[in-house]
Amino acid sequence: MNYFSCSLKVCLEDKNTATLVAESLSPDNFSTDETSISTEVEETYLLIRIKTRKGLLTLYNMVEDFIICIKPLLVLRGYLSLLEENDST
């Protein structure tokens, strides 16, 4: 079955703003029918990997929906970072 795999970098500009950067987009084969979304937290960005079998249009719609869902988390992460900076001073 054909899948599309996309790695996305969400760069944190400030506590309310994030920029989405497509790292790579390529067709791939997987043995599962499930869509998967995995995240990795790095120092200044979240790397989001999305795999779906429903094609590119669905992939882009998912990304849009996912960023809407994750934005409150980005705001929280920015706030926590500010607290950590204040604690270290």
PDB file of N, CA and C in Angstrom:
ATOM      1  N   MET A   1       0.838  -1.176   0.000  1.00  0.00           N
ATOM      2  CA  MET A   1       0.000   0.000   0.000  1.00  0.00           C
ATOM      3  C   MET A   1       0.886   1.243   0.000  1.00  0.00           C
ATOM      4  N   ASN A   2       0.513   2.267  -0.733  1.00  0.00           N
ATOM      5  CA  ASN A   2       1.312   3.483  -0.823  1.00  0.00           C
ATOM      6  C   ASN A   2       1.053   4.416   0.351  1.00  0.00           C
ATOM      7  N   TYR A   3       2.126   4.865   0.936  1.00  0.00           N
ATOM      8  CA  TYR A   3       2.061   5.843   2.013  1.00  0.00           C
ATOM      9  C   TYR A   3       2.880   7.049   1.607  1.00  0.00           C
ATOM     10  N   PHE A   4       2.617   8.161   2.230  1.00  0.00           N
ATOM     11  CA  PHE A   4       3.479   9.316   2.084  1.00  0.00           C
ATOM     12  C   PHE A   4       4.023   9.652   3.460  1.00  0.00           C
ATOM     13  N   SER A   5       5.293   9.941   3.509  1.00  0.00           N
ATOM     14  CA  SER A   5       5.948  10.256   4.763  1.00  0.00           C
ATOM     15  C   SER A   5       6.445  11.696   4.704  1.00  0.00           C
ATOM     16  N   CYS A   6       6.221  12.424   5.761  1.00  0.00           N
ATOM     17  CA  CYS A   6       6.638  13.825   5.783  1.00  0.00           C
ATOM     18  C   CYS A   6       7.236  14.153   7.141  1.00  0.00           C
ATOM     19  N   SER A   7       8.391  14.771   7.129  1.00  0.00           N
ATOM     20  CA  SER A   7       8.975  15.283   8.368  1.00  0.00           C
ATOM     21  C   SER A   7       8.829  16.796   8.371  1.00  0.00           C
ATOM     22  N   LEU A   8       8.333  17.314   9.453  1.00  0.00           N
ATOM     23  CA  LEU A   8       8.079  18.754   9.548  1.00  0.00           C
ATOM     24  C   LEU A   8       8.791  19.324  10.765  1.00  0.00           C
ATOM     25  N   LYS A   9       9.367  20.491  10.595  1.00  0.00           N
ATOM     26  CA  LYS A   9       9.998  21.153  11.732  1.00  0.00           C
ATOM     27  C   LYS A   9       9.145  22.353  12.111  1.00  0.00           C
ATOM     28  N   VAL A  10       8.736  22.417  13.367  1.00  0.00           N
ATOM     29  CA  VAL A  10       7.983  23.565  13.867  1.00  0.00           C
ATOM     30  C   VAL A  10       8.948  24.417  14.679  1.00  0.00           C
ATOM     31  N   CYS A  11       9.379  25.521  14.098  1.00  0.00           N
ATOM     32  CA  CYS A  11      10.333  26.400  14.771  1.00  0.00           C
ATOM     33  C   CYS A  11       9.585  27.358  15.690  1.00  0.00           C
ATOM     34  N   LEU A  12      10.038  27.455  16.917  1.00  0.00           N
ATOM     35  CA  LEU A  12       9.396  28.346  17.878  1.00  0.00           C
ATOM     36  C   LEU A  12       9.999  29.740  17.752  1.00  0.00           C
ATOM     37  N   GLU A  13       9.217  30.679  17.218  1.00  0.00           N
ATOM     38  CA  GLU A  13       9.703  32.051  17.075  1.00  0.00           C
ATOM     39  C   GLU A  13       9.531  32.823  18.379  1.00  0.00           C
ATOM     40  N   ASP A  14       8.381  32.662  18.994  1.00  0.00           N
ATOM     41  CA  ASP A  14       8.127  33.208  20.315  1.00  0.00           C
ATOM     42  C   ASP A  14       7.017  32.373  20.926  1.00  0.00           C
ATOM     43  N   LYS A  15       6.504  32.791  22.075  1.00  0.00           N
ATOM     44  CA  LYS A  15       5.549  31.921  22.756  1.00  0.00           C
ATOM     45  C   LYS A  15       4.214  31.787  22.038  1.00  0.00           C
ATOM     46  N   ASN A  16       3.937  32.660  21.067  1.00  0.00           N
ATOM     47  CA  ASN A  16       2.668  32.584  20.348  1.00  0.00           C
ATOM     48  C   ASN A  16       2.811  32.233  18.872  1.00  0.00           C
ATOM     49  N   THR A  17       4.029  32.113  18.387  1.00  0.00           N
ATOM     50  CA  THR A  17       4.233  31.947  16.953  1.00  0.00           C
ATOM     51  C   THR A  17       5.128  30.754  16.665  1.00  0.00           C
ATOM     52  N   ALA A  18       4.733  29.984  15.686  1.00  0.00           N
ATOM     53  CA  ALA A  18       5.557  28.865  15.245  1.00  0.00           C
ATOM     54  C   ALA A  18       5.584  28.845  13.722  1.00  0.00           C
ATOM     55  N   THR A  19       6.719  28.488  13.163  1.00  0.00           N
ATOM     56  CA  THR A  19       6.858  28.385  11.717  1.00  0.00           C
ATOM     57  C   THR A  19       6.996  26.923  11.340  1.00  0.00           C
ATOM     58  N   LEU A  20       6.218  26.506  10.361  1.00  0.00           N
ATOM     59  CA  LEU A  20       6.241  25.124   9.910  1.00  0.00           C
ATOM     60  C   LEU A  20       7.168  25.012   8.709  1.00  0.00           C
ATOM     61  N   VAL A  21       8.144  24.116   8.786  1.00  0.00           N
ATOM     62  CA  VAL A  21       9.093  23.904   7.701  1.00  0.00           C
ATOM     63  C   VAL A  21       9.048  22.437   7.299  1.00  0.00           C
ATOM     64  N   ALA A  22       8.796  22.172   6.027  1.00  0.00           N
ATOM     65  CA  ALA A  22       8.790  20.783   5.557  1.00  0.00           C
ATOM     66  C   ALA A  22      10.232  20.320   5.420  1.00  0.00           C
ATOM     67  N   GLU A  23      10.587  19.272   6.127  1.00  0.00           N
ATOM     68  CA  GLU A  23      11.932  18.724   6.061  1.00  0.00           C
ATOM     69  C   GLU A  23      12.081  17.804   4.855  1.00  0.00           C
ATOM     70  N   SER A  24      11.108  16.938   4.660  1.00  0.00           N
ATOM     71  CA  SER A  24      11.162  16.016   3.526  1.00  0.00           C
ATOM     72  C   SER A  24       9.770  15.486   3.251  1.00  0.00           C
ATOM     73  N   LEU A  25       9.531  15.114   2.030  1.00  0.00           N
ATOM     74  CA  LEU A  25       8.245  14.548   1.635  1.00  0.00           C
ATOM     75  C   LEU A  25       8.534  13.466   0.611  1.00  0.00           C
ATOM     76  N   SER A  26       8.199  12.230   0.938  1.00  0.00           N
ATOM     77  CA  SER A  26       8.530  11.144   0.021  1.00  0.00           C
ATOM     78  C   SER A  26       7.535  10.010   0.149  1.00  0.00           C
ATOM     79  N   PRO A  27       7.249   9.314  -0.973  1.00  0.00           N
ATOM     80  CA  PRO A  27       6.407   8.118  -0.885  1.00  0.00           C
ATOM     81  C   PRO A  27       7.183   6.999  -0.212  1.00  0.00           C
ATOM     82  N   ASP A  28       6.486   6.179   0.541  1.00  0.00           N
ATOM     83  CA  ASP A  28       7.139   5.089   1.255  1.00  0.00           C
ATOM     84  C   ASP A  28       6.161   3.934   1.396  1.00  0.00           C
ATOM     85  N   ASN A  29       6.651   2.783   1.778  1.00  0.00           N
ATOM     86  CA  ASN A  29       5.786   1.621   1.993  1.00  0.00           C
ATOM     87  C   ASN A  29       5.832   1.199   3.454  1.00  0.00           C
ATOM     88  N   PHE A  30       4.654   0.945   4.010  1.00  0.00           N
ATOM     89  CA  PHE A  30       4.538   0.489   5.383  1.00  0.00           C
ATOM     90  C   PHE A  30       3.557  -0.668   5.425  1.00  0.00           C
ATOM     91  N   SER A  31       3.666  -1.514   6.416  1.00  0.00           N
ATOM     92  CA  SER A  31       2.807  -2.697   6.481  1.00  0.00           C
ATOM     93  C   SER A  31       1.521  -2.442   7.252  1.00  0.00           C
ATOM     94  N   THR A  32       1.381  -1.281   7.839  1.00  0.00           N
ATOM     95  CA  THR A  32       0.191  -0.983   8.628  1.00  0.00           C
ATOM     96  C   THR A  32      -0.738  -0.045   7.875  1.00  0.00           C
ATOM     97  N   ASP A  33      -2.027  -0.111   8.172  1.00  0.00           N
ATOM     98  CA  ASP A  33      -3.002   0.782   7.554  1.00  0.00           C
ATOM     99  C   ASP A  33      -3.231   2.036   8.389  1.00  0.00           C
ATOM    100  N   GLU A  34      -2.581   2.119   9.522  1.00  0.00           N
ATOM    101  CA  GLU A  34      -2.833   3.230  10.424  1.00  0.00           C
ATOM    102  C   GLU A  34      -1.981   4.433  10.065  1.00  0.00           C
ATOM    103  N   THR A  35      -2.528   5.583  10.322  1.00  0.00           N
ATOM    104  CA  THR A  35      -1.785   6.830  10.189  1.00  0.00           C
ATOM    105  C   THR A  35      -0.994   7.032  11.474  1.00  0.00           C
ATOM    106  N   SER A  36       0.242   7.479  11.351  1.00  0.00           N
ATOM    107  CA  SER A  36       1.029   7.695  12.559  1.00  0.00           C
ATOM    108  C   SER A  36       1.564   9.117  12.597  1.00  0.00           C
ATOM    109  N   ILE A  37       1.573   9.659  13.779  1.00  0.00           N
ATOM    110  CA  ILE A  37       2.170  10.971  14.016  1.00  0.00           C
ATOM    111  C   ILE A  37       3.115  10.807  15.201  1.00  0.00           C
ATOM    112  N   SER A  38       4.378  11.144  14.999  1.00  0.00           N
ATOM    113  CA  SER A  38       5.319  11.075  16.111  1.00  0.00           C
ATOM    114  C   SER A  38       6.012  12.422  16.244  1.00  0.00           C
ATOM    115  N   THR A  39       6.372  12.764  17.459  1.00  0.00           N
ATOM    116  CA  THR A  39       7.032  14.047  17.687  1.00  0.00           C
ATOM    117  C   THR A  39       8.324  13.835  18.455  1.00  0.00           C
ATOM    118  N   GLU A  40       9.278  14.706  18.191  1.00  0.00           N
ATOM    119  CA  GLU A  40      10.517  14.739  18.955  1.00  0.00           C
ATOM    120  C   GLU A  40      10.724  16.181  19.395  1.00  0.00           C
ATOM    121  N   VAL A  41      11.017  16.377  20.646  1.00  0.00           N
ATOM    122  CA  VAL A  41      11.251  17.727  21.149  1.00  0.00           C
ATOM    123  C   VAL A  41      12.750  17.994  21.121  1.00  0.00           C
ATOM    124  N   GLU A  42      13.141  19.009  20.392  1.00  0.00           N
ATOM    125  CA  GLU A  42      14.531  19.429  20.342  1.00  0.00           C
ATOM    126  C   GLU A  42      14.654  20.727  21.137  1.00  0.00           C
ATOM    127  N   GLU A  43      15.833  21.300  21.129  1.00  0.00           N
ATOM    128  CA  GLU A  43      16.053  22.494  21.946  1.00  0.00           C
ATOM    129  C   GLU A  43      15.184  23.671  21.500  1.00  0.00           C
ATOM    130  N   THR A  44      15.104  23.904  20.195  1.00  0.00           N
ATOM    131  CA  THR A  44      14.362  25.073  19.725  1.00  0.00           C
ATOM    132  C   THR A  44      13.218  24.735  18.787  1.00  0.00           C
ATOM    133  N   TYR A  45      12.953  23.472  18.568  1.00  0.00           N
ATOM    134  CA  TYR A  45      11.851  23.139  17.671  1.00  0.00           C
ATOM    135  C   TYR A  45      11.293  21.762  17.970  1.00  0.00           C
ATOM    136  N   LEU A  46      10.105  21.525  17.480  1.00  0.00           N
ATOM    137  CA  LEU A  46       9.504  20.200  17.508  1.00  0.00           C
ATOM    138  C   LEU A  46       9.618  19.617  16.117  1.00  0.00           C
ATOM    139  N   LEU A  47      10.052  18.377  16.019  1.00  0.00           N
ATOM    140  CA  LEU A  47      10.087  17.686  14.738  1.00  0.00           C
ATOM    141  C   LEU A  47       8.904  16.739  14.699  1.00  0.00           C
ATOM    142  N   ILE A  48       8.035  16.932  13.732  1.00  0.00           N
ATOM    143  CA  ILE A  48       6.815  16.135  13.626  1.00  0.00           C
ATOM    144  C   ILE A  48       6.928  15.250  12.404  1.00  0.00           C
ATOM    145  N   ARG A  49       6.784  13.956  12.595  1.00  0.00           N
ATOM    146  CA  ARG A  49       6.794  13.040  11.466  1.00  0.00           C
ATOM    147  C   ARG A  49       5.392  12.496  11.276  1.00  0.00           C
ATOM    148  N   ILE A  50       4.876  12.639  10.075  1.00  0.00           N
ATOM    149  CA  ILE A  50       3.516  12.202   9.774  1.00  0.00           C
ATOM    150  C   ILE A  50       3.559  11.208   8.624  1.00  0.00           C
ATOM    151  N   LYS A  51       2.884  10.085   8.796  1.00  0.00           N
ATOM    152  CA  LYS A  51       2.775   9.090   7.735  1.00  0.00           C
ATOM    153  C   LYS A  51       1.306   8.770   7.523  1.00  0.00           C
ATOM    154  N   THR A  52       0.870   8.803   6.293  1.00  0.00           N
ATOM    155  CA  THR A  52      -0.527   8.512   6.003  1.00  0.00           C
ATOM    156  C   THR A  52      -0.638   7.769   4.684  1.00  0.00           C
ATOM    157  N   ARG A  53      -1.670   6.949   4.556  1.00  0.00           N
ATOM    158  CA  ARG A  53      -1.863   6.193   3.323  1.00  0.00           C
ATOM    159  C   ARG A  53      -2.874   6.848   2.406  1.00  0.00           C
ATOM    160  N   LYS A  54      -3.409   7.991   2.796  1.00  0.00           N
ATOM    161  CA  LYS A  54      -4.519   8.575   2.047  1.00  0.00           C
ATOM    162  C   LYS A  54      -4.083   9.633   1.043  1.00  0.00           C
ATOM    163  N   GLY A  55      -2.814   9.853   0.881  1.00  0.00           N
ATOM    164  CA  GLY A  55      -2.345  10.770  -0.148  1.00  0.00           C
ATOM    165  C   GLY A  55      -1.978  12.145   0.360  1.00  0.00           C
ATOM    166  N   LEU A  56      -1.451  12.938  -0.548  1.00  0.00           N
ATOM    167  CA  LEU A  56      -0.880  14.227  -0.167  1.00  0.00           C
ATOM    168  C   LEU A  56      -1.904  15.226   0.340  1.00  0.00           C
ATOM    169  N   LEU A  57      -3.071  15.284  -0.282  1.00  0.00           N
ATOM    170  CA  LEU A  57      -4.076  16.257   0.149  1.00  0.00           C
ATOM    171  C   LEU A  57      -4.472  16.011   1.601  1.00  0.00           C
ATOM    172  N   THR A  58      -4.713  14.748   1.934  1.00  0.00           N
ATOM    173  CA  THR A  58      -5.039  14.400   3.316  1.00  0.00           C
ATOM    174  C   THR A  58      -3.882  14.750   4.240  1.00  0.00           C
ATOM    175  N   LEU A  59      -2.671  14.507   3.776  1.00  0.00           N
ATOM    176  CA  LEU A  59      -1.489  14.812   4.577  1.00  0.00           C
ATOM    177  C   LEU A  59      -1.437  16.301   4.912  1.00  0.00           C
ATOM    178  N   TYR A  60      -1.639  17.152   3.921  1.00  0.00           N
ATOM    179  CA  TYR A  60      -1.594  18.587   4.176  1.00  0.00           C
ATOM    180  C   TYR A  60      -2.726  19.031   5.096  1.00  0.00           C
ATOM    181  N   ASN A  61      -3.917  18.463   4.926  1.00  0.00           N
ATOM    182  CA  ASN A  61      -5.035  18.785   5.815  1.00  0.00           C
ATOM    183  C   ASN A  61      -4.725  18.368   7.244  1.00  0.00           C
ATOM    184  N   MET A  62      -4.112  17.188   7.400  1.00  0.00           N
ATOM    185  CA  MET A  62      -3.743  16.709   8.732  1.00  0.00           C
ATOM    186  C   MET A  62      -2.737  17.643   9.380  1.00  0.00           C
ATOM    187  N   VAL A  63      -1.764  18.085   8.589  1.00  0.00           N
ATOM    188  CA  VAL A  63      -0.745  18.985   9.126  1.00  0.00           C
ATOM    189  C   VAL A  63      -1.400  20.263   9.638  1.00  0.00           C
ATOM    190  N   GLU A  64      -2.299  20.823   8.834  1.00  0.00           N
ATOM    191  CA  GLU A  64      -3.001  22.043   9.230  1.00  0.00           C
ATOM    192  C   GLU A  64      -3.770  21.826  10.534  1.00  0.00           C
ATOM    193  N   ASP A  65      -4.514  20.722  10.619  1.00  0.00           N
ATOM    194  CA  ASP A  65      -5.276  20.412  11.833  1.00  0.00           C
ATOM    195  C   ASP A  65      -4.346  20.172  13.011  1.00  0.00           C
ATOM    196  N   PHE A  66      -3.238  19.479  12.767  1.00  0.00           N
ATOM    197  CA  PHE A  66      -2.324  19.123  13.840  1.00  0.00           C
ATOM    198  C   PHE A  66      -1.654  20.364  14.426  1.00  0.00           C
ATOM    199  N   ILE A  67      -1.303  21.308  13.565  1.00  0.00           N
ATOM    200  CA  ILE A  67      -0.676  22.531  14.055  1.00  0.00           C
ATOM    201  C   ILE A  67      -1.664  23.336  14.895  1.00  0.00           C
ATOM    202  N   ILE A  68      -2.931  23.347  14.485  1.00  0.00           N
ATOM    203  CA  ILE A  68      -3.949  24.025  15.294  1.00  0.00           C
ATOM    204  C   ILE A  68      -4.022  23.380  16.680  1.00  0.00           C
ATOM    205  N   CYS A  69      -3.941  22.051  16.728  1.00  0.00           N
ATOM    206  CA  CYS A  69      -4.012  21.339  18.009  1.00  0.00           C
ATOM    207  C   CYS A  69      -2.757  21.546  18.845  1.00  0.00           C
ATOM    208  N   ILE A  70      -1.599  21.643  18.175  1.00  0.00           N
ATOM    209  CA  ILE A  70      -0.348  21.672  18.930  1.00  0.00           C
ATOM    210  C   ILE A  70       0.026  23.091  19.375  1.00  0.00           C
ATOM    211  N   LYS A  71      -0.602  24.116  18.788  1.00  0.00           N
ATOM    212  CA  LYS A  71      -0.228  25.490  19.134  1.00  0.00           C
ATOM    213  C   LYS A  71      -0.339  25.781  20.634  1.00  0.00           C
ATOM    214  N   PRO A  72      -1.424  25.351  21.314  1.00  0.00           N
ATOM    215  CA  PRO A  72      -1.449  25.573  22.769  1.00  0.00           C
ATOM    216  C   PRO A  72      -0.268  24.926  23.489  1.00  0.00           C
ATOM    217  N   LEU A  73       0.215  23.795  22.981  1.00  0.00           N
ATOM    218  CA  LEU A  73       1.382  23.146  23.580  1.00  0.00           C
ATOM    219  C   LEU A  73       2.634  23.985  23.361  1.00  0.00           C
ATOM    220  N   LEU A  74       2.732  24.606  22.191  1.00  0.00           N
ATOM    221  CA  LEU A  74       3.876  25.469  21.918  1.00  0.00           C
ATOM    222  C   LEU A  74       3.861  26.681  22.841  1.00  0.00           C
ATOM    223  N   VAL A  75       2.678  27.235  23.058  1.00  0.00           N
ATOM    224  CA  VAL A  75       2.547  28.376  23.967  1.00  0.00           C
ATOM    225  C   VAL A  75       2.964  27.967  25.374  1.00  0.00           C
ATOM    226  N   LEU A  76       2.496  26.802  25.819  1.00  0.00           N
ATOM    227  CA  LEU A  76       2.855  26.300  27.145  1.00  0.00           C
ATOM    228  C   LEU A  76       4.355  26.059  27.245  1.00  0.00           C
ATOM    229  N   ARG A  77       4.933  25.473  26.203  1.00  0.00           N
ATOM    230  CA  ARG A  77       6.367  25.194  26.220  1.00  0.00           C
ATOM    231  C   ARG A  77       7.167  26.496  26.313  1.00  0.00           C
ATOM    232  N   GLY A  78       6.722  27.517  25.574  1.00  0.00           N
ATOM    233  CA  GLY A  78       7.395  28.807  25.643  1.00  0.00           C
ATOM    234  C   GLY A  78       7.309  29.415  27.029  1.00  0.00           C
ATOM    235  N   TYR A  79       6.146  29.296  27.656  1.00  0.00           N
ATOM    236  CA  TYR A  79       5.943  29.820  29.005  1.00  0.00           C
ATOM    237  C   TYR A  79       6.842  29.098  30.008  1.00  0.00           C
ATOM    238  N   LEU A  80       6.915  27.768  29.884  1.00  0.00           N
ATOM    239  CA  LEU A  80       7.764  26.990  30.785  1.00  0.00           C
ATOM    240  C   LEU A  80       9.236  27.344  30.596  1.00  0.00           C
ATOM    241  N   SER A  81       9.638  27.594  29.347  1.00  0.00           N
ATOM    242  CA  SER A  81      11.020  28.000  29.083  1.00  0.00           C
ATOM    243  C   SER A  81      11.336  29.323  29.766  1.00  0.00           C
ATOM    244  N   LEU A  82      10.378  30.257  29.715  1.00  0.00           N
ATOM    245  CA  LEU A  82      10.576  31.544  30.385  1.00  0.00           C
ATOM    246  C   LEU A  82      10.716  31.361  31.892  1.00  0.00           C
ATOM    247  N   LEU A  83       9.905  30.469  32.457  1.00  0.00           N
ATOM    248  CA  LEU A  83      10.006  30.196  33.894  1.00  0.00           C
ATOM    249  C   LEU A  83      11.372  29.626  34.248  1.00  0.00           C
ATOM    250  N   GLU A  84      11.868  28.705  33.406  1.00  0.00           N
ATOM    251  CA  GLU A  84      13.183  28.113  33.655  1.00  0.00           C
ATOM    252  C   GLU A  84      14.278  29.169  33.587  1.00  0.00           C
ATOM    253  N   GLU A  85      14.177  30.080  32.602  1.00  0.00           N
ATOM    254  CA  GLU A  85      15.164  31.153  32.480  1.00  0.00           C
ATOM    255  C   GLU A  85      15.138  32.046  33.715  1.00  0.00           C
ATOM    256  N   ASN A  86      13.947  32.365  34.204  1.00  0.00           N
ATOM    257  CA  ASN A  86      13.825  33.213  35.390  1.00  0.00           C
ATOM    258  C   ASN A  86      14.365  32.518  36.631  1.00  0.00           C
ATOM    259  N   ASP A  87      14.183  31.204  36.722  1.00  0.00           N
ATOM    260  CA  ASP A  87      14.691  30.449  37.867  1.00  0.00           C
ATOM    261  C   ASP A  87      16.212  30.411  37.888  1.00  0.00           C
ATOM    262  N   SER A  88      16.833  30.427  36.707  1.00  0.00           N
ATOM    263  CA  SER A  88      18.287  30.300  36.644  1.00  0.00           C
ATOM    264  C   SER A  88      19.005  31.624  36.881  1.00  0.00           C
ATOM    265  N   THR A  89      18.241  32.727  36.930  1.00  0.00           N
ATOM    266  CA  THR A  89      18.894  34.027  37.139  1.00  0.00           C
ATOM    267  C   THR A  89      18.867  34.432  38.584  1.00  0.00           C
TER     268      THR A  89
END
